[in-house]
Amino acid sequence: MSTNPAPAAAFDAAPLAAPAATPPGIGLLKANIYCMGSMVIWAAALPAADFLIGHVPPVALTAMRMALAGLCLLPVWWLTEGTGALRGAHWLRGIGVGALFAAAGLTLVIAQTHTDAVTVAVISALLPIMGMGIEIALDGRRVTRALVIGIVLSLAGGILAYAAKLDQFGLGVGAATALVSNLFYASGSRLAVTAFPAMTPLGRSALSLTGAGIAATLAFGLQWATVGTGTWGTFGQTQVFALLMFSIGGMALCQVLWLASIDRLGVGVAALHMNATSFYVMFFAWVLGASWNWTQTLGAAIVGIGVLIAQGVIALPGRRA
């Protein structure tokens, strides 16, 4: 965790075992900008998944996505930080942390296969609660009034963004798998920071995503050797372009910004930003000619207020949060 002092009472978590060699952290404003940027990039790349699910089996898609993301970041990491950074990295631990990201990616694809985007998105709105729960249990984060109100507002705003489509929401295998995917992702995100405290966000991302690629490729090889690769659909130029968007934009670049923000904010607070993703998706659709959705705009505004309250930027009346 960053050694910078927390700016408000909402950041009463215990330090995440950062040694003296920990690189200097980023400021609160920059951390939030990084997190928003991560969500915007992820939202822009999200439609690419629609061109891949059904054409590529889930395990194969996860292996291809994670491997491409890792291969994209490795040379950048090497050119930026040198050979010594790669040699000194704990690669076995990186594969272990990466396996959580691979599991999160696989279960998300399975969830989208068995359900619809609305169900997956509403379940994903619970990610801040999972992140906070992990930090409270493992890192000693204190539950504050500001934190609780921020989470409630973020959850409400995230669900409001899908108010017009909530009749499509359904429970079952798809929803349960989406819940498991969020748990894997929250756990992997925390470990990517705490397991490599002296590494930069770029190094953590490159190491963990390369580990995810290795873990997912091994899983695909095992599937191939035992039950076959599954049913493939058409895989042409459209799918290749979609895979590059889904891997490099929606995973590699997104992950660097995401882990940089977590280093300052923690998983729980950073995950509050995720509930504004539907607004970003709507915004890109509007740029391409779709109509503006004021309900999603209101939902995003509520999420934004929740984020600011959770971080103590907006002070609550009465006793100190």
C-alpha atoms as a PDB file:
ATOM      1  CA  MET A   1       0.000   0.000   0.000  1.00  0.00           C
ATOM      2  CA  SER A   2       1.132   3.542  -0.593  1.00  0.00           C
ATOM      3  CA  THR A   3       2.977   5.187   2.266  1.00  0.00           C
ATOM      4  CA  ASN A   4       1.097   8.486   1.729  1.00  0.00           C
ATOM      5  CA  PRO A   5      -1.033   9.479   4.746  1.00  0.00           C
ATOM      6  CA  ALA A   6      -4.796   8.957   4.403  1.00  0.00           C
ATOM      7  CA  PRO A   7      -6.663  12.260   3.913  1.00  0.00           C
ATOM      8  CA  ALA A   8      -9.828  11.378   5.809  1.00  0.00           C
ATOM      9  CA  ALA A   9     -11.313   9.123   8.445  1.00  0.00           C
ATOM     10  CA  ALA A  10     -12.697   6.833   5.766  1.00  0.00           C
ATOM     11  CA  PHE A  11      -9.133   5.617   5.248  1.00  0.00           C
ATOM     12  CA  ASP A  12      -8.595   3.988   8.601  1.00  0.00           C
ATOM     13  CA  ALA A  13      -7.400   0.701   7.134  1.00  0.00           C
ATOM     14  CA  ALA A  14      -4.184  -0.737   8.489  1.00  0.00           C
ATOM     15  CA  PRO A  15      -1.137  -0.414   6.182  1.00  0.00           C
ATOM     16  CA  LEU A  16      -0.859  -3.284   3.730  1.00  0.00           C
ATOM     17  CA  ALA A  17       2.577  -4.529   4.805  1.00  0.00           C
ATOM     18  CA  ALA A  18       4.540  -2.069   2.683  1.00  0.00           C
ATOM     19  CA  PRO A  19       8.305  -2.196   3.239  1.00  0.00           C
ATOM     20  CA  ALA A  20      10.620   0.777   3.163  1.00  0.00           C
ATOM     21  CA  ALA A  21      11.367   0.072  -0.502  1.00  0.00           C
ATOM     22  CA  THR A  22       7.761   0.719  -1.528  1.00  0.00           C
ATOM     23  CA  PRO A  23       7.669   3.211  -4.423  1.00  0.00           C
ATOM     24  CA  PRO A  24       6.045   6.590  -3.671  1.00  0.00           C
ATOM     25  CA  GLY A  25       2.277   6.545  -4.014  1.00  0.00           C
ATOM     26  CA  ILE A  26      -0.017   8.854  -5.933  1.00  0.00           C
ATOM     27  CA  GLY A  27      -2.339  11.520  -4.590  1.00  0.00           C
ATOM     28  CA  LEU A  28      -6.032  11.109  -3.909  1.00  0.00           C
ATOM     29  CA  LEU A  29      -7.157  13.126  -6.938  1.00  0.00           C
ATOM     30  CA  LYS A  30      -4.854  11.279  -9.315  1.00  0.00           C
ATOM     31  CA  ALA A  31      -5.956   7.912  -7.885  1.00  0.00           C
ATOM     32  CA  ASN A  32      -9.589   8.728  -8.617  1.00  0.00           C
ATOM     33  CA  ILE A  33      -8.738   9.950 -12.109  1.00  0.00           C
ATOM     34  CA  TYR A  34      -6.846   6.712 -12.763  1.00  0.00           C
ATOM     35  CA  CYS A  35      -9.803   4.686 -11.512  1.00  0.00           C
ATOM     36  CA  MET A  36     -12.266   6.617 -13.671  1.00  0.00           C
ATOM     37  CA  GLY A  37      -9.943   6.174 -16.643  1.00  0.00           C
ATOM     38  CA  SER A  38      -9.812   2.443 -15.990  1.00  0.00           C
ATOM     39  CA  MET A  39     -13.605   2.250 -15.960  1.00  0.00           C
ATOM     40  CA  VAL A  40     -13.926   4.353 -19.131  1.00  0.00           C
ATOM     41  CA  ILE A  41     -11.466   2.133 -21.015  1.00  0.00           C
ATOM     42  CA  TRP A  42     -13.201  -0.996 -19.742  1.00  0.00           C
ATOM     43  CA  ALA A  43     -16.592   0.378 -20.816  1.00  0.00           C
ATOM     44  CA  ALA A  44     -15.253   1.244 -24.267  1.00  0.00           C
ATOM     45  CA  ALA A  45     -13.870  -2.285 -24.719  1.00  0.00           C
ATOM     46  CA  LEU A  46     -16.847  -4.087 -23.167  1.00  0.00           C
ATOM     47  CA  PRO A  47     -18.923  -4.334 -26.390  1.00  0.00           C
ATOM     48  CA  ALA A  48     -16.069  -6.353 -27.922  1.00  0.00           C
ATOM     49  CA  ALA A  49     -17.083  -9.294 -25.727  1.00  0.00           C
ATOM     50  CA  ASP A  50     -20.364  -9.583 -27.645  1.00  0.00           C
ATOM     51  CA  PHE A  51     -18.392 -10.427 -30.806  1.00  0.00           C
ATOM     52  CA  LEU A  52     -16.443 -13.181 -29.024  1.00  0.00           C
ATOM     53  CA  ILE A  53     -18.865 -14.994 -26.698  1.00  0.00           C
ATOM     54  CA  GLY A  54     -20.455 -17.748 -28.751  1.00  0.00           C
ATOM     55  CA  HIS A  55     -17.570 -17.761 -31.214  1.00  0.00           C
ATOM     56  CA  VAL A  56     -14.833 -18.816 -28.792  1.00  0.00           C
ATOM     57  CA  PRO A  57     -15.319 -21.344 -25.938  1.00  0.00           C
ATOM     58  CA  PRO A  58     -15.007 -19.768 -22.452  1.00  0.00           C
ATOM     59  CA  VAL A  59     -11.708 -21.380 -21.387  1.00  0.00           C
ATOM     60  CA  ALA A  60     -10.068 -20.664 -24.742  1.00  0.00           C
ATOM     61  CA  LEU A  61     -11.322 -17.065 -24.709  1.00  0.00           C
ATOM     62  CA  THR A  62      -9.969 -16.522 -21.195  1.00  0.00           C
ATOM     63  CA  ALA A  63      -6.567 -17.993 -22.126  1.00  0.00           C
ATOM     64  CA  MET A  64      -6.312 -15.865 -25.264  1.00  0.00           C
ATOM     65  CA  ARG A  65      -7.408 -12.700 -23.484  1.00  0.00           C
ATOM     66  CA  MET A  66      -5.084 -13.053 -20.500  1.00  0.00           C
ATOM     67  CA  ALA A  67      -2.103 -14.186 -22.576  1.00  0.00           C
ATOM     68  CA  LEU A  68      -2.438 -11.270 -25.002  1.00  0.00           C
ATOM     69  CA  ALA A  69      -2.757  -8.804 -22.115  1.00  0.00           C
ATOM     70  CA  GLY A  70       0.374 -10.183 -20.459  1.00  0.00           C
ATOM     71  CA  LEU A  71       2.334 -10.253 -23.720  1.00  0.00           C
ATOM     72  CA  CYS A  72       1.344  -6.635 -24.315  1.00  0.00           C
ATOM     73  CA  LEU A  73       2.596  -5.434 -20.926  1.00  0.00           C
ATOM     74  CA  LEU A  74       5.768  -7.514 -20.601  1.00  0.00           C
ATOM     75  CA  PRO A  75       7.864  -5.602 -23.189  1.00  0.00           C
ATOM     76  CA  VAL A  76       6.580  -2.277 -21.851  1.00  0.00           C
ATOM     77  CA  TRP A  77       7.598  -3.324 -18.323  1.00  0.00           C
ATOM     78  CA  TRP A  78      11.027  -4.453 -19.560  1.00  0.00           C
ATOM     79  CA  LEU A  79      11.669  -1.242 -21.522  1.00  0.00           C
ATOM     80  CA  THR A  80      10.461   0.928 -18.646  1.00  0.00           C
ATOM     81  CA  GLU A  81      12.088  -0.745 -15.636  1.00  0.00           C
ATOM     82  CA  GLY A  82      14.825  -2.918 -17.094  1.00  0.00           C
ATOM     83  CA  THR A  83      15.824  -6.567 -17.020  1.00  0.00           C
ATOM     84  CA  GLY A  84      16.497  -6.494 -13.286  1.00  0.00           C
ATOM     85  CA  ALA A  85      12.842  -5.857 -12.503  1.00  0.00           C
ATOM     86  CA  LEU A  86      11.794  -8.957 -14.449  1.00  0.00           C
ATOM     87  CA  ARG A  87      14.533 -11.123 -12.954  1.00  0.00           C
ATOM     88  CA  GLY A  88      13.739  -9.995  -9.422  1.00  0.00           C
ATOM     89  CA  ALA A  89      10.009 -10.604  -9.707  1.00  0.00           C
ATOM     90  CA  HIS A  90       8.399 -13.446  -7.774  1.00  0.00           C
ATOM     91  CA  TRP A  91       7.048 -15.306 -10.799  1.00  0.00           C
ATOM     92  CA  LEU A  92       5.535 -18.253  -8.956  1.00  0.00           C
ATOM     93  CA  ARG A  93       3.563 -15.888  -6.744  1.00  0.00           C
ATOM     94  CA  GLY A  94       2.601 -13.959  -9.872  1.00  0.00           C
ATOM     95  CA  ILE A  95       1.087 -17.101 -11.396  1.00  0.00           C
ATOM     96  CA  GLY A  96      -0.856 -17.684  -8.186  1.00  0.00           C
ATOM     97  CA  VAL A  97      -2.280 -14.155  -8.140  1.00  0.00           C
ATOM     98  CA  GLY A  98      -2.854 -14.308 -11.883  1.00  0.00           C
ATOM     99  CA  ALA A  99      -4.850 -17.504 -11.472  1.00  0.00           C
ATOM    100  CA  LEU A 100      -7.421 -15.468  -9.525  1.00  0.00           C
ATOM    101  CA  PHE A 101      -7.737 -12.995 -12.411  1.00  0.00           C
ATOM    102  CA  ALA A 102      -8.006 -15.879 -14.877  1.00  0.00           C
ATOM    103  CA  ALA A 103     -10.728 -17.464 -12.729  1.00  0.00           C
ATOM    104  CA  ALA A 104     -12.539 -14.116 -12.571  1.00  0.00           C
ATOM    105  CA  GLY A 105     -12.381 -13.752 -16.350  1.00  0.00           C
ATOM    106  CA  LEU A 106     -13.546 -17.309 -16.972  1.00  0.00           C
ATOM    107  CA  THR A 107     -16.491 -17.158 -14.572  1.00  0.00           C
ATOM    108  CA  LEU A 108     -17.533 -13.788 -16.018  1.00  0.00           C
ATOM    109  CA  VAL A 109     -17.663 -15.255 -19.530  1.00  0.00           C
ATOM    110  CA  ILE A 110     -19.638 -18.235 -18.214  1.00  0.00           C
ATOM    111  CA  ALA A 111     -22.009 -15.874 -16.412  1.00  0.00           C
ATOM    112  CA  GLN A 112     -22.602 -13.855 -19.584  1.00  0.00           C
ATOM    113  CA  THR A 113     -23.200 -17.090 -21.485  1.00  0.00           C
ATOM    114  CA  HIS A 114     -25.921 -18.252 -19.055  1.00  0.00           C
ATOM    115  CA  THR A 115     -27.597 -14.921 -18.441  1.00  0.00           C
ATOM    116  CA  ASP A 116     -27.735 -11.375 -19.818  1.00  0.00           C
ATOM    117  CA  ALA A 117     -25.745  -8.176 -19.475  1.00  0.00           C
ATOM    118  CA  VAL A 118     -28.262  -6.610 -17.066  1.00  0.00           C
ATOM    119  CA  THR A 119     -27.992  -9.444 -14.539  1.00  0.00           C
ATOM    120  CA  VAL A 120     -24.196  -9.452 -14.705  1.00  0.00           C
ATOM    121  CA  ALA A 121     -24.056  -5.663 -14.303  1.00  0.00           C
ATOM    122  CA  VAL A 122     -26.408  -5.588 -11.297  1.00  0.00           C
ATOM    123  CA  ILE A 123     -24.450  -8.391  -9.605  1.00  0.00           C
ATOM    124  CA  SER A 124     -21.226  -6.494 -10.339  1.00  0.00           C
ATOM    125  CA  ALA A 125     -22.645  -3.556  -8.375  1.00  0.00           C
ATOM    126  CA  LEU A 126     -21.959  -5.669  -5.279  1.00  0.00           C
ATOM    127  CA  LEU A 127     -18.186  -5.602  -5.908  1.00  0.00           C
ATOM    128  CA  PRO A 128     -17.562  -2.668  -3.511  1.00  0.00           C
ATOM    129  CA  ILE A 129     -19.253  -4.603  -0.703  1.00  0.00           C
ATOM    130  CA  MET A 130     -17.038  -7.617  -1.400  1.00  0.00           C
ATOM    131  CA  GLY A 131     -13.939  -5.441  -1.573  1.00  0.00           C
ATOM    132  CA  MET A 132     -14.770  -3.735   1.708  1.00  0.00           C
ATOM    133  CA  GLY A 133     -15.502  -7.079   3.351  1.00  0.00           C
ATOM    134  CA  ILE A 134     -12.091  -8.420   2.316  1.00  0.00           C
ATOM    135  CA  GLU A 135     -10.304  -5.304   3.590  1.00  0.00           C
ATOM    136  CA  ILE A 136     -12.215  -5.317   6.882  1.00  0.00           C
ATOM    137  CA  ALA A 137     -11.425  -8.997   7.453  1.00  0.00           C
ATOM    138  CA  LEU A 138      -7.787  -8.996   6.309  1.00  0.00           C
ATOM    139  CA  ASP A 139      -6.475  -5.434   6.429  1.00  0.00           C
ATOM    140  CA  GLY A 140      -8.185  -3.964   9.469  1.00  0.00           C
ATOM    141  CA  ARG A 141     -10.152  -1.311   7.581  1.00  0.00           C
ATOM    142  CA  ARG A 142     -12.556   0.381   9.997  1.00  0.00           C
ATOM    143  CA  VAL A 143     -16.224   0.649   9.042  1.00  0.00           C
ATOM    144  CA  THR A 144     -17.208   4.318   9.134  1.00  0.00           C
ATOM    145  CA  ARG A 145     -20.490   6.105   8.593  1.00  0.00           C
ATOM    146  CA  ALA A 146     -19.081   7.767   5.477  1.00  0.00           C
ATOM    147  CA  LEU A 147     -17.989   4.415   4.097  1.00  0.00           C
ATOM    148  CA  VAL A 148     -21.397   2.805   4.617  1.00  0.00           C
ATOM    149  CA  ILE A 149     -23.265   5.753   3.081  1.00  0.00           C
ATOM    150  CA  GLY A 150     -20.859   5.808   0.147  1.00  0.00           C
ATOM    151  CA  ILE A 151     -21.408   2.114  -0.549  1.00  0.00           C
ATOM    152  CA  VAL A 152     -25.197   2.439  -0.289  1.00  0.00           C
ATOM    153  CA  LEU A 153     -25.246   5.396  -2.703  1.00  0.00           C
ATOM    154  CA  SER A 154     -22.931   3.642  -5.124  1.00  0.00           C
ATOM    155  CA  LEU A 155     -25.075   0.505  -5.075  1.00  0.00           C
ATOM    156  CA  ALA A 156     -28.264   2.544  -5.511  1.00  0.00           C
ATOM    157  CA  GLY A 157     -26.786   4.534  -8.396  1.00  0.00           C
ATOM    158  CA  GLY A 158     -25.502   1.402 -10.109  1.00  0.00           C
ATOM    159  CA  ILE A 159     -28.900  -0.297  -9.910  1.00  0.00           C
ATOM    160  CA  LEU A 160     -30.754   2.881 -10.941  1.00  0.00           C
ATOM    161  CA  ALA A 161     -28.744   2.947 -14.147  1.00  0.00           C
ATOM    162  CA  TYR A 162     -30.478  -0.308 -15.117  1.00  0.00           C
ATOM    163  CA  ALA A 163     -33.908   0.635 -13.723  1.00  0.00           C
ATOM    164  CA  ALA A 164     -35.597   0.396 -17.115  1.00  0.00           C
ATOM    165  CA  LYS A 165     -34.268  -3.117 -17.676  1.00  0.00           C
ATOM    166  CA  LEU A 166     -34.539  -4.659 -14.204  1.00  0.00           C
ATOM    167  CA  ASP A 167     -37.377  -6.879 -15.432  1.00  0.00           C
ATOM    168  CA  GLN A 168     -34.628  -8.815 -17.256  1.00  0.00           C
ATOM    169  CA  PHE A 169     -32.773  -9.494 -14.016  1.00  0.00           C
ATOM    170  CA  GLY A 170     -32.764 -13.136 -13.056  1.00  0.00           C
ATOM    171  CA  LEU A 171     -31.287 -15.387 -10.419  1.00  0.00           C
ATOM    172  CA  GLY A 172     -29.760 -18.757 -11.166  1.00  0.00           C
ATOM    173  CA  VAL A 173     -26.485 -20.186 -12.438  1.00  0.00           C
ATOM    174  CA  GLY A 174     -25.569 -17.032 -14.338  1.00  0.00           C
ATOM    175  CA  ALA A 175     -26.095 -14.693 -11.371  1.00  0.00           C
ATOM    176  CA  ALA A 176     -24.281 -17.046  -8.982  1.00  0.00           C
ATOM    177  CA  THR A 177     -21.333 -17.343 -11.369  1.00  0.00           C
ATOM    178  CA  ALA A 178     -21.171 -13.542 -11.732  1.00  0.00           C
ATOM    179  CA  LEU A 179     -21.051 -13.281  -7.932  1.00  0.00           C
ATOM    180  CA  VAL A 180     -18.140 -15.742  -7.814  1.00  0.00           C
ATOM    181  CA  SER A 181     -16.392 -13.798 -10.577  1.00  0.00           C
ATOM    182  CA  ASN A 182     -16.573 -10.609  -8.521  1.00  0.00           C
ATOM    183  CA  LEU A 183     -15.155 -12.396  -5.493  1.00  0.00           C
ATOM    184  CA  PHE A 184     -12.207 -13.710  -7.535  1.00  0.00           C
ATOM    185  CA  TYR A 185     -11.560 -10.272  -9.030  1.00  0.00           C
ATOM    186  CA  ALA A 186     -11.709  -8.421  -5.707  1.00  0.00           C
ATOM    187  CA  SER A 187      -9.373 -10.969  -4.093  1.00  0.00           C
ATOM    188  CA  GLY A 188      -6.945 -10.892  -7.015  1.00  0.00           C
ATOM    189  CA  SER A 189      -6.892  -7.099  -7.089  1.00  0.00           C
ATOM    190  CA  ARG A 190      -6.044  -6.881  -3.397  1.00  0.00           C
ATOM    191  CA  LEU A 191      -3.329  -9.532  -3.662  1.00  0.00           C
ATOM    192  CA  ALA A 192      -1.784  -7.876  -6.729  1.00  0.00           C
ATOM    193  CA  VAL A 193      -1.010  -4.930  -4.450  1.00  0.00           C
ATOM    194  CA  THR A 194      -0.282  -6.614  -1.118  1.00  0.00           C
ATOM    195  CA  ALA A 195       1.758  -9.541  -2.501  1.00  0.00           C
ATOM    196  CA  PHE A 196       4.096  -7.219  -4.440  1.00  0.00           C
ATOM    197  CA  PRO A 197       4.329  -4.088  -2.252  1.00  0.00           C
ATOM    198  CA  ALA A 198       7.653  -2.878  -3.669  1.00  0.00           C
ATOM    199  CA  MET A 199       6.574  -3.100  -7.323  1.00  0.00           C
ATOM    200  CA  THR A 200       5.118  -0.358  -9.492  1.00  0.00           C
ATOM    201  CA  PRO A 201       1.544  -0.629 -10.851  1.00  0.00           C
ATOM    202  CA  LEU A 202       3.001  -1.477 -14.263  1.00  0.00           C
ATOM    203  CA  GLY A 203       5.122  -4.278 -12.802  1.00  0.00           C
ATOM    204  CA  ARG A 204       2.243  -5.659 -10.749  1.00  0.00           C
ATOM    205  CA  SER A 205      -0.067  -5.616 -13.763  1.00  0.00           C
ATOM    206  CA  ALA A 206       2.447  -7.202 -16.130  1.00  0.00           C
ATOM    207  CA  LEU A 207       3.397  -9.895 -13.621  1.00  0.00           C
ATOM    208  CA  SER A 208      -0.141 -10.789 -12.559  1.00  0.00           C
ATOM    209  CA  LEU A 209      -1.577 -10.755 -16.084  1.00  0.00           C
ATOM    210  CA  THR A 210       1.302 -12.840 -17.408  1.00  0.00           C
ATOM    211  CA  GLY A 211       0.599 -15.215 -14.535  1.00  0.00           C
ATOM    212  CA  ALA A 212      -3.075 -15.167 -15.505  1.00  0.00           C
ATOM    213  CA  GLY A 213      -2.138 -16.021 -19.081  1.00  0.00           C
ATOM    214  CA  ILE A 214       0.025 -18.939 -17.934  1.00  0.00           C
ATOM    215  CA  ALA A 215      -2.670 -20.257 -15.561  1.00  0.00           C
ATOM    216  CA  ALA A 216      -5.446 -19.933 -18.151  1.00  0.00           C
ATOM    217  CA  THR A 217      -3.320 -21.541 -20.880  1.00  0.00           C
ATOM    218  CA  LEU A 218      -2.578 -24.503 -18.597  1.00  0.00           C
ATOM    219  CA  ALA A 219      -6.308 -24.823 -17.898  1.00  0.00           C
ATOM    220  CA  PHE A 220      -7.045 -24.727 -21.629  1.00  0.00           C
ATOM    221  CA  GLY A 221      -4.383 -27.370 -22.291  1.00  0.00           C
ATOM    222  CA  LEU A 222      -5.905 -29.611 -19.632  1.00  0.00           C
ATOM    223  CA  GLN A 223      -9.355 -29.158 -21.123  1.00  0.00           C
ATOM    224  CA  TRP A 224      -8.042 -29.903 -24.603  1.00  0.00           C
ATOM    225  CA  ALA A 225      -6.336 -33.095 -23.408  1.00  0.00           C
ATOM    226  CA  THR A 226      -9.369 -34.383 -21.500  1.00  0.00           C
ATOM    227  CA  VAL A 227     -12.700 -33.256 -22.954  1.00  0.00           C
ATOM    228  CA  GLY A 228     -11.753 -31.241 -26.042  1.00  0.00           C
ATOM    229  CA  THR A 229     -11.740 -27.508 -26.695  1.00  0.00           C
ATOM    230  CA  GLY A 230     -15.489 -27.000 -26.988  1.00  0.00           C
ATOM    231  CA  THR A 231     -17.584 -25.610 -29.833  1.00  0.00           C
ATOM    232  CA  TRP A 232     -16.111 -22.812 -31.912  1.00  0.00           C
ATOM    233  CA  GLY A 233     -18.016 -20.423 -34.147  1.00  0.00           C
ATOM    234  CA  THR A 234     -16.813 -18.186 -36.933  1.00  0.00           C
ATOM    235  CA  PHE A 235     -13.494 -16.562 -36.070  1.00  0.00           C
ATOM    236  CA  GLY A 236     -12.640 -13.937 -38.634  1.00  0.00           C
ATOM    237  CA  GLN A 237     -11.295 -10.429 -38.862  1.00  0.00           C
ATOM    238  CA  THR A 238     -14.072  -9.025 -36.669  1.00  0.00           C
ATOM    239  CA  GLN A 239     -13.284 -11.476 -33.871  1.00  0.00           C
ATOM    240  CA  VAL A 240      -9.547 -10.770 -34.106  1.00  0.00           C
ATOM    241  CA  PHE A 241     -10.136  -7.026 -33.738  1.00  0.00           C
ATOM    242  CA  ALA A 242     -12.606  -7.617 -30.894  1.00  0.00           C
ATOM    243  CA  LEU A 243     -10.093  -9.852 -29.103  1.00  0.00           C
ATOM    244  CA  LEU A 244      -7.398  -7.171 -29.332  1.00  0.00           C
ATOM    245  CA  MET A 245      -9.811  -4.587 -27.911  1.00  0.00           C
ATOM    246  CA  PHE A 246     -10.999  -6.954 -25.177  1.00  0.00           C
ATOM    247  CA  SER A 247      -7.446  -7.945 -24.216  1.00  0.00           C
ATOM    248  CA  ILE A 248      -5.225  -4.910 -24.680  1.00  0.00           C
ATOM    249  CA  GLY A 249      -7.721  -2.161 -23.884  1.00  0.00           C
ATOM    250  CA  GLY A 250     -10.213  -3.899 -21.633  1.00  0.00           C
ATOM    251  CA  MET A 251      -7.590  -5.858 -19.694  1.00  0.00           C
ATOM    252  CA  ALA A 252      -3.970  -4.667 -20.011  1.00  0.00           C
ATOM    253  CA  LEU A 253      -4.321  -0.878 -20.004  1.00  0.00           C
ATOM    254  CA  CYS A 254      -7.363  -1.018 -17.748  1.00  0.00           C
ATOM    255  CA  GLN A 255      -5.478  -3.160 -15.215  1.00  0.00           C
ATOM    256  CA  VAL A 256      -2.504  -0.806 -14.913  1.00  0.00           C
ATOM    257  CA  LEU A 257      -4.769   2.129 -14.043  1.00  0.00           C
ATOM    258  CA  TRP A 258      -6.937  -0.040 -11.782  1.00  0.00           C
ATOM    259  CA  LEU A 259      -4.036  -1.340  -9.686  1.00  0.00           C
ATOM    260  CA  ALA A 260      -2.505   2.142  -9.483  1.00  0.00           C
ATOM    261  CA  SER A 261      -5.757   3.460  -8.017  1.00  0.00           C
ATOM    262  CA  ILE A 262      -6.125   0.528  -5.600  1.00  0.00           C
ATOM    263  CA  ASP A 263      -2.658   1.248  -4.210  1.00  0.00           C
ATOM    264  CA  ARG A 264      -4.073   4.553  -2.909  1.00  0.00           C
ATOM    265  CA  LEU A 265      -7.804   3.939  -2.463  1.00  0.00           C
ATOM    266  CA  GLY A 266      -8.065   0.254  -1.589  1.00  0.00           C
ATOM    267  CA  VAL A 267     -10.211  -2.294  -3.427  1.00  0.00           C
ATOM    268  CA  GLY A 268     -13.491  -1.350  -1.790  1.00  0.00           C
ATOM    269  CA  VAL A 269     -13.428   2.388  -2.511  1.00  0.00           C
ATOM    270  CA  ALA A 270     -11.970   1.935  -5.997  1.00  0.00           C
ATOM    271  CA  ALA A 271     -14.735  -0.563  -6.814  1.00  0.00           C
ATOM    272  CA  LEU A 272     -17.339   2.140  -6.122  1.00  0.00           C
ATOM    273  CA  HIS A 273     -16.316   3.673  -9.447  1.00  0.00           C
ATOM    274  CA  MET A 274     -17.367   0.502 -11.258  1.00  0.00           C
ATOM    275  CA  ASN A 275     -21.042   1.266 -10.684  1.00  0.00           C
ATOM    276  CA  ALA A 276     -20.778   4.232 -13.059  1.00  0.00           C
ATOM    277  CA  THR A 277     -19.676   2.006 -15.946  1.00  0.00           C
ATOM    278  CA  SER A 278     -23.173   1.839 -17.455  1.00  0.00           C
ATOM    279  CA  PHE A 279     -23.080   5.634 -17.831  1.00  0.00           C
ATOM    280  CA  TYR A 280     -19.806   5.440 -19.746  1.00  0.00           C
ATOM    281  CA  VAL A 281     -21.248   2.733 -22.015  1.00  0.00           C
ATOM    282  CA  MET A 282     -24.301   4.921 -22.623  1.00  0.00           C
ATOM    283  CA  PHE A 283     -22.066   7.925 -23.317  1.00  0.00           C
ATOM    284  CA  PHE A 284     -20.123   6.054 -26.013  1.00  0.00           C
ATOM    285  CA  ALA A 285     -23.425   4.858 -27.515  1.00  0.00           C
ATOM    286  CA  TRP A 286     -24.656   8.476 -27.513  1.00  0.00           C
ATOM    287  CA  VAL A 287     -21.517   9.606 -29.345  1.00  0.00           C
ATOM    288  CA  LEU A 288     -22.294   6.968 -31.975  1.00  0.00           C
ATOM    289  CA  GLY A 289     -25.863   8.230 -32.403  1.00  0.00           C
ATOM    290  CA  ALA A 290     -27.975   6.677 -29.648  1.00  0.00           C
ATOM    291  CA  SER A 291     -30.283   8.754 -27.456  1.00  0.00           C
ATOM    292  CA  TRP A 292     -29.146  10.271 -24.153  1.00  0.00           C
ATOM    293  CA  ASN A 293     -30.362   8.410 -21.044  1.00  0.00           C
ATOM    294  CA  TRP A 294     -31.033  10.760 -18.121  1.00  0.00           C
ATOM    295  CA  THR A 295     -31.758   7.892 -15.732  1.00  0.00           C
ATOM    296  CA  GLN A 296     -28.263   6.509 -16.253  1.00  0.00           C
ATOM    297  CA  THR A 297     -26.870  10.025 -15.901  1.00  0.00           C
ATOM    298  CA  LEU A 298     -28.621  10.394 -12.540  1.00  0.00           C
ATOM    299  CA  GLY A 299     -27.337   6.958 -11.494  1.00  0.00           C
ATOM    300  CA  ALA A 300     -23.770   7.964 -12.352  1.00  0.00           C
ATOM    301  CA  ALA A 301     -24.156  11.215 -10.389  1.00  0.00           C
ATOM    302  CA  ILE A 302     -25.336   9.278  -7.324  1.00  0.00           C
ATOM    303  CA  VAL A 303     -22.367   6.914  -7.671  1.00  0.00           C
ATOM    304  CA  GLY A 304     -20.039   9.921  -7.884  1.00  0.00           C
ATOM    305  CA  ILE A 305     -21.478  11.435  -4.712  1.00  0.00           C
ATOM    306  CA  GLY A 306     -21.097   8.077  -2.968  1.00  0.00           C
ATOM    307  CA  VAL A 307     -17.431   7.894  -4.009  1.00  0.00           C
ATOM    308  CA  LEU A 308     -16.739  11.375  -2.641  1.00  0.00           C
ATOM    309  CA  ILE A 309     -18.526  10.695   0.655  1.00  0.00           C
ATOM    310  CA  ALA A 310     -16.727   7.363   1.141  1.00  0.00           C
ATOM    311  CA  GLN A 311     -13.377   9.143   0.787  1.00  0.00           C
ATOM    312  CA  GLY A 312     -14.301  11.987   3.105  1.00  0.00           C
ATOM    313  CA  VAL A 313     -14.131  14.587   0.312  1.00  0.00           C
ATOM    314  CA  ILE A 314     -17.777  15.462   1.031  1.00  0.00           C
ATOM    315  CA  ALA A 315     -18.095  15.809   4.790  1.00  0.00           C
ATOM    316  CA  LEU A 316     -21.209  14.481   6.502  1.00  0.00           C
ATOM    317  CA  PRO A 317     -23.111  16.725   8.903  1.00  0.00           C
ATOM    318  CA  GLY A 318     -23.121  15.970  12.615  1.00  0.00           C
ATOM    319  CA  ARG A 319     -20.419  13.948  14.267  1.00  0.00           C
ATOM    320  CA  ARG A 320     -17.239  13.248  12.364  1.00  0.00           C
ATOM    321  CA  ALA A 321     -17.478  10.177  10.080  1.00  0.00           C
END
